[in-house]
């Protein structure tokens, strides 16, 4: 009996979770604050970070991974916008992502 499982979205979920974790680390300046602590320094005001609540996240590529990132970051009450040359805007709107051109996403939203 084989123990192989067909989990086509398994890697997509892992990639999405890693992406969300990196977004959290960067917004809270975790790598910088960890390096500061290792160096024996701690400037609390310097590493306050930023809340994700109410911010806009631009996602380039709205396939399986992009969709999973959007759904997870929406739980932080982030506005999710994106670009995808293949997936129709009606499809991405169904999971809460409004599509824009690359140029529009590059501008402050």
Protein backbone atom coordinates (compact mmCIF):
# COMPACT_ATOMS: atom_id res chain seq x y z
CA UNK A 1 0.00 0.00 0.00
CA UNK A 2 1.41 3.38 -1.00
CA UNK A 3 1.67 6.26 1.43
CA UNK A 4 1.95 8.84 -1.35
CA UNK A 5 -0.64 11.58 -1.14
CA UNK A 6 -1.77 13.78 -3.97
CA UNK A 7 -1.55 17.26 -2.44
CA UNK A 8 -1.15 19.67 -5.36
CA UNK A 9 -1.69 22.72 -3.15
CA UNK A 10 0.67 21.60 -0.38
CA UNK A 11 3.64 23.60 -1.64
CA UNK A 12 1.39 26.55 -2.46
CA UNK A 13 0.22 26.77 1.15
CA UNK A 14 3.80 26.54 2.43
CA UNK A 15 4.97 29.25 0.04
CA UNK A 16 2.03 31.49 0.99
CA UNK A 17 2.68 31.04 4.71
CA UNK A 18 6.38 31.81 4.24
CA UNK A 19 5.50 34.95 2.27
CA UNK A 20 3.09 36.12 4.98
CA UNK A 21 5.69 35.44 7.64
CA UNK A 22 8.23 37.53 5.77
CA UNK A 23 5.75 40.38 5.40
CA UNK A 24 5.17 40.29 9.17
CA UNK A 25 8.91 40.18 9.89
CA UNK A 26 9.60 43.15 7.65
CA UNK A 27 6.69 45.26 8.92
CA UNK A 28 7.78 44.67 12.53
CA UNK A 29 11.53 44.97 11.76
CA UNK A 30 12.19 41.63 13.43
CA UNK A 31 15.48 40.85 11.63
CA UNK A 32 16.88 44.29 12.49
CA UNK A 33 15.79 44.15 16.12
CA UNK A 34 17.17 40.61 16.53
CA UNK A 35 20.53 41.75 15.15
CA UNK A 36 20.49 44.75 17.49
CA UNK A 37 19.82 42.53 20.50
CA UNK A 38 22.61 40.13 19.49
CA UNK A 39 24.93 43.13 19.37
CA UNK A 40 23.93 43.96 22.96
CA UNK A 41 21.87 47.01 22.02
CA UNK A 42 18.17 47.66 22.38
CA UNK A 43 16.57 50.84 21.13
CA UNK A 44 12.89 50.13 21.61
CA UNK A 45 11.70 53.26 19.80
CA UNK A 46 13.83 52.44 16.76
CA UNK A 47 12.10 49.08 16.30
CA UNK A 48 8.43 49.88 16.84
CA UNK A 49 7.45 48.59 13.39
CA UNK A 50 4.22 49.27 11.57
CA UNK A 51 0.75 47.77 11.83
CA UNK A 52 -0.59 45.95 8.80
CA UNK A 53 -4.16 46.94 9.67
CA UNK A 54 -5.61 49.17 6.96
CA UNK A 55 -2.52 49.01 4.74
CA UNK A 56 -2.60 48.01 1.07
CA UNK A 57 -0.73 44.93 -0.17
CA UNK A 58 0.09 44.66 -3.88
CA UNK A 59 0.41 41.08 -5.11
CA UNK A 60 2.02 40.31 -8.46
CA UNK A 61 0.69 36.98 -9.67
CA UNK A 62 -2.72 35.88 -8.43
CA UNK A 63 -2.53 32.15 -9.00
CA UNK A 64 -2.61 29.59 -6.20
CA UNK A 65 0.10 31.20 -4.08
CA UNK A 66 -1.00 34.79 -4.66
CA UNK A 67 -4.58 33.88 -3.78
CA UNK A 68 -3.50 32.18 -0.54
CA UNK A 69 -1.32 35.17 0.42
CA UNK A 70 -4.24 37.52 -0.22
CA UNK A 71 -6.66 35.48 1.87
CA UNK A 72 -4.24 35.30 4.79
CA UNK A 73 -3.28 38.97 4.71
CA UNK A 74 -6.93 40.00 4.50
CA UNK A 75 -7.26 38.54 8.00
CA UNK A 76 -5.05 41.44 9.11
CA UNK A 77 -7.63 43.74 7.52
CA UNK A 78 -5.28 44.64 4.69
CA UNK A 79 -6.63 45.85 1.36
CA UNK A 80 -5.33 43.45 -1.29
CA UNK A 81 -4.75 44.59 -4.84
CA UNK A 82 -2.91 42.76 -7.56
CA UNK A 83 -1.85 42.13 -11.10
CA UNK A 84 -2.13 38.97 -13.16
CA UNK A 85 -1.91 38.80 -16.95
CA UNK A 86 -3.94 35.57 -17.13
CA UNK A 87 -6.54 35.39 -14.37
CA UNK A 88 -9.62 37.54 -15.08
CA UNK A 89 -10.48 40.36 -12.64
CA UNK A 90 -13.87 38.75 -11.90
CA UNK A 91 -12.09 35.67 -10.55
CA UNK A 92 -9.74 37.62 -8.28
CA UNK A 93 -12.58 39.87 -7.11
CA UNK A 94 -14.27 36.72 -5.78
CA UNK A 95 -11.40 36.29 -3.31
CA UNK A 96 -11.13 39.98 -2.47
CA UNK A 97 -8.39 41.22 -4.81
CA UNK A 98 -8.99 44.15 -7.12
CA UNK A 99 -6.77 44.05 -10.19
CA UNK A 100 -4.70 46.96 -11.48
CA UNK A 101 -2.04 47.37 -14.14
CA UNK A 102 1.60 47.01 -13.14
CA UNK A 103 2.02 50.77 -13.53
CA UNK A 104 -0.91 51.47 -11.20
CA UNK A 105 0.38 49.09 -8.56
CA UNK A 106 3.80 50.72 -8.76
CA UNK A 107 2.27 54.04 -7.76
CA UNK A 108 1.21 54.73 -4.19
CA UNK A 109 -2.26 53.32 -3.63
